[in-house]
């Protein structure tokens, strides 16, 4: 499996929203997993962004 390309914050938010909007036609476990993955990706991106901001020198 090839490594995943980093997604922008907007892409991650879109993915989370798509998961929420698409839950009507999925089983409960698929709904939960889709939402969980989208939110984990979004939060991980936010965590990395904050870590990057902390390492930037203050001008």
PDB file of N, CA and C in Angstrom:
ATOM      1  N   UNK A   1       0.849  -1.182   0.000  1.00  0.00           N
ATOM      2  CA  UNK A   1       0.000   0.000   0.000  1.00  0.00           C
ATOM      3  C   UNK A   1       0.892   1.242   0.000  1.00  0.00           C
ATOM      4  N   UNK A   2       0.715   2.145  -0.985  1.00  0.00           N
ATOM      5  CA  UNK A   2       1.567   3.336  -1.033  1.00  0.00           C
ATOM      6  C   UNK A   2       1.253   4.284   0.112  1.00  0.00           C
ATOM      7  N   UNK A   3       2.258   5.068   0.535  1.00  0.00           N
ATOM      8  CA  UNK A   3       1.996   6.015   1.627  1.00  0.00           C
ATOM      9  C   UNK A   3       0.971   7.065   1.189  1.00  0.00           C
ATOM     10  N   UNK A   4       0.168   7.499   2.135  1.00  0.00           N
ATOM     11  CA  UNK A   4      -0.855   8.503   1.842  1.00  0.00           C
ATOM     12  C   UNK A   4      -0.215   9.866   1.669  1.00  0.00           C
ATOM     13  N   UNK A   5      -0.729  10.618   0.723  1.00  0.00           N
ATOM     14  CA  UNK A   5      -0.260  11.977   0.509  1.00  0.00           C
ATOM     15  C   UNK A   5      -0.840  12.864   1.613  1.00  0.00           C
ATOM     16  N   UNK A   6      -0.061  13.806   2.118  1.00  0.00           N
ATOM     17  CA  UNK A   6      -0.609  14.717   3.127  1.00  0.00           C
ATOM     18  C   UNK A   6      -1.760  15.521   2.521  1.00  0.00           C
ATOM     19  N   UNK A   7      -2.783  15.712   3.316  1.00  0.00           N
ATOM     20  CA  UNK A   7      -3.942  16.466   2.852  1.00  0.00           C
ATOM     21  C   UNK A   7      -3.964  17.827   3.526  1.00  0.00           C
ATOM     22  N   UNK A   8      -4.539  18.778   2.822  1.00  0.00           N
ATOM     23  CA  UNK A   8      -4.675  20.105   3.396  1.00  0.00           C
ATOM     24  C   UNK A   8      -5.773  20.078   4.457  1.00  0.00           C
ATOM     25  N   UNK A   9      -5.782  21.098   5.268  1.00  0.00           N
ATOM     26  CA  UNK A   9      -6.802  21.225   6.310  1.00  0.00           C
ATOM     27  C   UNK A   9      -8.200  21.207   5.693  1.00  0.00           C
ATOM     28  N   UNK A  10      -8.368  21.911   4.564  1.00  0.00           N
ATOM     29  CA  UNK A  10      -9.659  21.955   3.889  1.00  0.00           C
ATOM     30  C   UNK A  10     -10.073  20.577   3.394  1.00  0.00           C
ATOM     31  N   UNK A  11      -9.108  19.802   2.856  1.00  0.00           N
ATOM     32  CA  UNK A  11      -9.405  18.444   2.392  1.00  0.00           C
ATOM     33  C   UNK A  11      -9.842  17.561   3.558  1.00  0.00           C
ATOM     34  N   UNK A  12      -9.184  17.711   4.702  1.00  0.00           N
ATOM     35  CA  UNK A  12      -9.533  16.899   5.864  1.00  0.00           C
ATOM     36  C   UNK A  12     -10.914  17.265   6.397  1.00  0.00           C
ATOM     37  N   UNK A  13     -11.226  18.546   6.427  1.00  0.00           N
ATOM     38  CA  UNK A  13     -12.556  18.966   6.871  1.00  0.00           C
ATOM     39  C   UNK A  13     -13.604  18.449   5.897  1.00  0.00           C
ATOM     40  N   UNK A  14     -13.333  18.541   4.594  1.00  0.00           N
ATOM     41  CA  UNK A  14     -14.258  18.023   3.589  1.00  0.00           C
ATOM     42  C   UNK A  14     -14.487  16.529   3.783  1.00  0.00           C
ATOM     43  N   UNK A  15     -13.410  15.809   4.041  1.00  0.00           N
ATOM     44  CA  UNK A  15     -13.510  14.362   4.253  1.00  0.00           C
ATOM     45  C   UNK A  15     -14.382  14.044   5.464  1.00  0.00           C
ATOM     46  N   UNK A  16     -14.204  14.798   6.541  1.00  0.00           N
ATOM     47  CA  UNK A  16     -15.018  14.592   7.741  1.00  0.00           C
ATOM     48  C   UNK A  16     -16.484  14.878   7.437  1.00  0.00           C
ATOM     49  N   UNK A  17     -16.752  15.964   6.715  1.00  0.00           N
ATOM     50  CA  UNK A  17     -18.136  16.305   6.371  1.00  0.00           C
ATOM     51  C   UNK A  17     -18.749  15.272   5.436  1.00  0.00           C
ATOM     52  N   UNK A  18     -17.980  14.804   4.453  1.00  0.00           N
ATOM     53  CA  UNK A  18     -18.482  13.770   3.549  1.00  0.00           C
ATOM     54  C   UNK A  18     -18.842  12.512   4.331  1.00  0.00           C
ATOM     55  N   UNK A  19     -18.013  12.148   5.312  1.00  0.00           N
ATOM     56  CA  UNK A  19     -18.318  10.983   6.142  1.00  0.00           C
ATOM     57  C   UNK A  19     -19.625  11.177   6.888  1.00  0.00           C
ATOM     58  N   UNK A  20     -19.826  12.373   7.427  1.00  0.00           N
ATOM     59  CA  UNK A  20     -21.057  12.643   8.162  1.00  0.00           C
ATOM     60  C   UNK A  20     -22.271  12.611   7.245  1.00  0.00           C
ATOM     61  N   UNK A  21     -22.141  13.174   6.039  1.00  0.00           N
ATOM     62  CA  UNK A  21     -23.274  13.213   5.116  1.00  0.00           C
ATOM     63  C   UNK A  21     -23.587  11.855   4.500  1.00  0.00           C
ATOM     64  N   UNK A  22     -22.604  10.968   4.420  1.00  0.00           N
ATOM     65  CA  UNK A  22     -22.808   9.691   3.746  1.00  0.00           C
ATOM     66  C   UNK A  22     -23.230   8.562   4.685  1.00  0.00           C
ATOM     67  N   UNK A  23     -23.441   8.846   5.954  1.00  0.00           N
ATOM     68  CA  UNK A  23     -23.716   7.766   6.906  1.00  0.00           C
ATOM     69  C   UNK A  23     -25.072   7.104   6.707  1.00  0.00           C
ATOM     70  N   UNK A  24     -25.980   7.704   5.968  1.00  0.00           N
ATOM     71  CA  UNK A  24     -27.317   7.147   5.803  1.00  0.00           C
ATOM     72  C   UNK A  24     -27.312   5.772   5.149  1.00  0.00           C
ATOM     73  N   UNK A  25     -26.396   5.510   4.242  1.00  0.00           N
ATOM     74  CA  UNK A  25     -26.440   4.258   3.495  1.00  0.00           C
ATOM     75  C   UNK A  25     -25.416   3.223   3.966  1.00  0.00           C
ATOM     76  N   UNK A  26     -24.817   3.428   5.100  1.00  0.00           N
ATOM     77  CA  UNK A  26     -23.811   2.499   5.606  1.00  0.00           C
ATOM     78  C   UNK A  26     -24.286   1.810   6.884  1.00  0.00           C
ATOM     79  N   UNK A  27     -23.639   0.697   7.202  1.00  0.00           N
ATOM     80  CA  UNK A  27     -23.941   0.033   8.464  1.00  0.00           C
ATOM     81  C   UNK A  27     -23.384   0.874   9.608  1.00  0.00           C
ATOM     82  N   UNK A  28     -23.845   0.602  10.812  1.00  0.00           N
ATOM     83  CA  UNK A  28     -23.391   1.374  11.975  1.00  0.00           C
ATOM     84  C   UNK A  28     -21.876   1.308  12.150  1.00  0.00           C
ATOM     85  N   UNK A  29     -21.287   0.134  12.000  1.00  0.00           N
ATOM     86  CA  UNK A  29     -19.837   0.023  12.202  1.00  0.00           C
ATOM     87  C   UNK A  29     -19.078   0.787  11.122  1.00  0.00           C
ATOM     88  N   UNK A  30     -19.587   0.769   9.889  1.00  0.00           N
ATOM     89  CA  UNK A  30     -18.939   1.530   8.825  1.00  0.00           C
ATOM     90  C   UNK A  30     -19.071   3.028   9.074  1.00  0.00           C
ATOM     91  N   UNK A  31     -20.209   3.461   9.573  1.00  0.00           N
ATOM     92  CA  UNK A  31     -20.423   4.871   9.896  1.00  0.00           C
ATOM     93  C   UNK A  31     -19.420   5.331  10.944  1.00  0.00           C
ATOM     94  N   UNK A  32     -19.345   4.565  12.005  1.00  0.00           N
ATOM     95  CA  UNK A  32     -18.463   4.920  13.114  1.00  0.00           C
ATOM     96  C   UNK A  32     -17.011   4.947  12.658  1.00  0.00           C
ATOM     97  N   UNK A  33     -16.590   3.942  11.902  1.00  0.00           N
ATOM     98  CA  UNK A  33     -15.203   3.880  11.447  1.00  0.00           C
ATOM     99  C   UNK A  33     -14.876   5.021  10.491  1.00  0.00           C
ATOM    100  N   UNK A  34     -15.772   5.331   9.576  1.00  0.00           N
ATOM    101  CA  UNK A  34     -15.532   6.422   8.638  1.00  0.00           C
ATOM    102  C   UNK A  34     -15.383   7.759   9.336  1.00  0.00           C
ATOM    103  N   UNK A  35     -16.254   8.010  10.283  1.00  0.00           N
ATOM    104  CA  UNK A  35     -16.196   9.264  11.039  1.00  0.00           C
ATOM    105  C   UNK A  35     -14.937   9.304  11.899  1.00  0.00           C
ATOM    106  N   UNK A  36     -14.617   8.181  12.526  1.00  0.00           N
ATOM    107  CA  UNK A  36     -13.428   8.111  13.379  1.00  0.00           C
ATOM    108  C   UNK A  36     -12.164   8.410  12.572  1.00  0.00           C
ATOM    109  N   UNK A  37     -12.039   7.791  11.409  1.00  0.00           N
ATOM    110  CA  UNK A  37     -10.846   7.992  10.582  1.00  0.00           C
ATOM    111  C   UNK A  37     -10.752   9.445  10.126  1.00  0.00           C
ATOM    112  N   UNK A  38     -11.867  10.017   9.686  1.00  0.00           N
ATOM    113  CA  UNK A  38     -11.850  11.406   9.227  1.00  0.00           C
ATOM    114  C   UNK A  38     -11.456  12.354  10.353  1.00  0.00           C
ATOM    115  N   UNK A  39     -11.988  12.139  11.545  1.00  0.00           N
ATOM    116  CA  UNK A  39     -11.663  13.019  12.670  1.00  0.00           C
ATOM    117  C   UNK A  39     -10.233  12.819  13.156  1.00  0.00           C
ATOM    118  N   UNK A  40      -9.766  11.578  13.181  1.00  0.00           N
ATOM    119  CA  UNK A  40      -8.380  11.320  13.583  1.00  0.00           C
ATOM    120  C   UNK A  40      -7.429  12.015  12.609  1.00  0.00           C
ATOM    121  N   UNK A  41      -7.712  11.920  11.306  1.00  0.00           N
ATOM    122  CA  UNK A  41      -6.856  12.582  10.316  1.00  0.00           C
ATOM    123  C   UNK A  41      -6.856  14.090  10.512  1.00  0.00           C
ATOM    124  N   UNK A  42      -8.020  14.661  10.755  1.00  0.00           N
ATOM    125  CA  UNK A  42      -8.117  16.098  10.964  1.00  0.00           C
ATOM    126  C   UNK A  42      -7.351  16.527  12.217  1.00  0.00           C
ATOM    127  N   UNK A  43      -7.545  15.800  13.304  1.00  0.00           N
ATOM    128  CA  UNK A  43      -6.868  16.153  14.550  1.00  0.00           C
ATOM    129  C   UNK A  43      -5.352  15.954  14.453  1.00  0.00           C
ATOM    130  N   UNK A  44      -4.926  14.915  13.757  1.00  0.00           N
ATOM    131  CA  UNK A  44      -3.489  14.682  13.583  1.00  0.00           C
ATOM    132  C   UNK A  44      -2.876  15.821  12.761  1.00  0.00           C
ATOM    133  N   UNK A  45      -3.584  16.271  11.750  1.00  0.00           N
ATOM    134  CA  UNK A  45      -3.104  17.395  10.951  1.00  0.00           C
ATOM    135  C   UNK A  45      -2.982  18.653  11.813  1.00  0.00           C
ATOM    136  N   UNK A  46      -3.979  18.908  12.648  1.00  0.00           N
ATOM    137  CA  UNK A  46      -3.944  20.064  13.549  1.00  0.00           C
ATOM    138  C   UNK A  46      -2.764  19.955  14.519  1.00  0.00           C
ATOM    139  N   UNK A  47      -2.530  18.758  15.050  1.00  0.00           N
ATOM    140  CA  UNK A  47      -1.427  18.549  15.990  1.00  0.00           C
ATOM    141  C   UNK A  47      -0.092  18.828  15.315  1.00  0.00           C
ATOM    142  N   UNK A  48       0.065  18.342  14.081  1.00  0.00           N
ATOM    143  CA  UNK A  48       1.318  18.577  13.355  1.00  0.00           C
ATOM    144  C   UNK A  48       1.503  20.059  13.045  1.00  0.00           C
ATOM    145  N   UNK A  49       0.413  20.729  12.702  1.00  0.00           N
ATOM    146  CA  UNK A  49       0.495  22.166  12.416  1.00  0.00           C
ATOM    147  C   UNK A  49       0.910  22.947  13.659  1.00  0.00           C
ATOM    148  N   UNK A  50       0.345  22.585  14.799  1.00  0.00           N
ATOM    149  CA  UNK A  50       0.724  23.260  16.049  1.00  0.00           C
ATOM    150  C   UNK A  50       2.173  23.000  16.408  1.00  0.00           C
ATOM    151  N   UNK A  51       2.631  21.768  16.199  1.00  0.00           N
ATOM    152  CA  UNK A  51       4.024  21.432  16.492  1.00  0.00           C
ATOM    153  C   UNK A  51       4.967  22.212  15.584  1.00  0.00           C
ATOM    154  N   UNK A  52       4.583  22.369  14.328  1.00  0.00           N
ATOM    155  CA  UNK A  52       5.396  23.142  13.384  1.00  0.00           C
ATOM    156  C   UNK A  52       5.438  24.610  13.805  1.00  0.00           C
ATOM    157  N   UNK A  53       4.296  25.146  14.207  1.00  0.00           N
ATOM    158  CA  UNK A  53       4.244  26.543  14.638  1.00  0.00           C
ATOM    159  C   UNK A  53       5.124  26.792  15.848  1.00  0.00           C
ATOM    160  N   UNK A  54       5.211  25.823  16.746  1.00  0.00           N
ATOM    161  CA  UNK A  54       6.013  25.984  17.966  1.00  0.00           C
ATOM    162  C   UNK A  54       7.506  26.010  17.664  1.00  0.00           C
ATOM    163  N   UNK A  55       7.911  25.353  16.553  1.00  0.00           N
ATOM    164  CA  UNK A  55       9.333  25.289  16.247  1.00  0.00           C
ATOM    165  C   UNK A  55       9.809  26.468  15.395  1.00  0.00           C
ATOM    166  N   UNK A  56       8.879  27.287  14.916  1.00  0.00           N
ATOM    167  CA  UNK A  56       9.253  28.457  14.120  1.00  0.00           C
ATOM    168  C   UNK A  56       9.853  29.530  15.035  1.00  0.00           C
ATOM    169  N   UNK A  57      10.950  30.139  14.586  1.00  0.00           N
ATOM    170  CA  UNK A  57      11.522  31.220  15.408  1.00  0.00           C
ATOM    171  C   UNK A  57      10.606  32.433  15.442  1.00  0.00           C
ATOM    172  N   UNK A  58      10.580  33.085  16.550  1.00  0.00           N
ATOM    173  CA  UNK A  58       9.776  34.293  16.707  1.00  0.00           C
ATOM    174  C   UNK A  58      10.589  35.468  16.177  1.00  0.00           C
ATOM    175  N   UNK A  59      10.002  36.236  15.284  1.00  0.00           N
ATOM    176  CA  UNK A  59      10.736  37.353  14.664  1.00  0.00           C
ATOM    177  C   UNK A  59      10.747  38.568  15.558  1.00  0.00           C
TER     178      UNK A  59
END
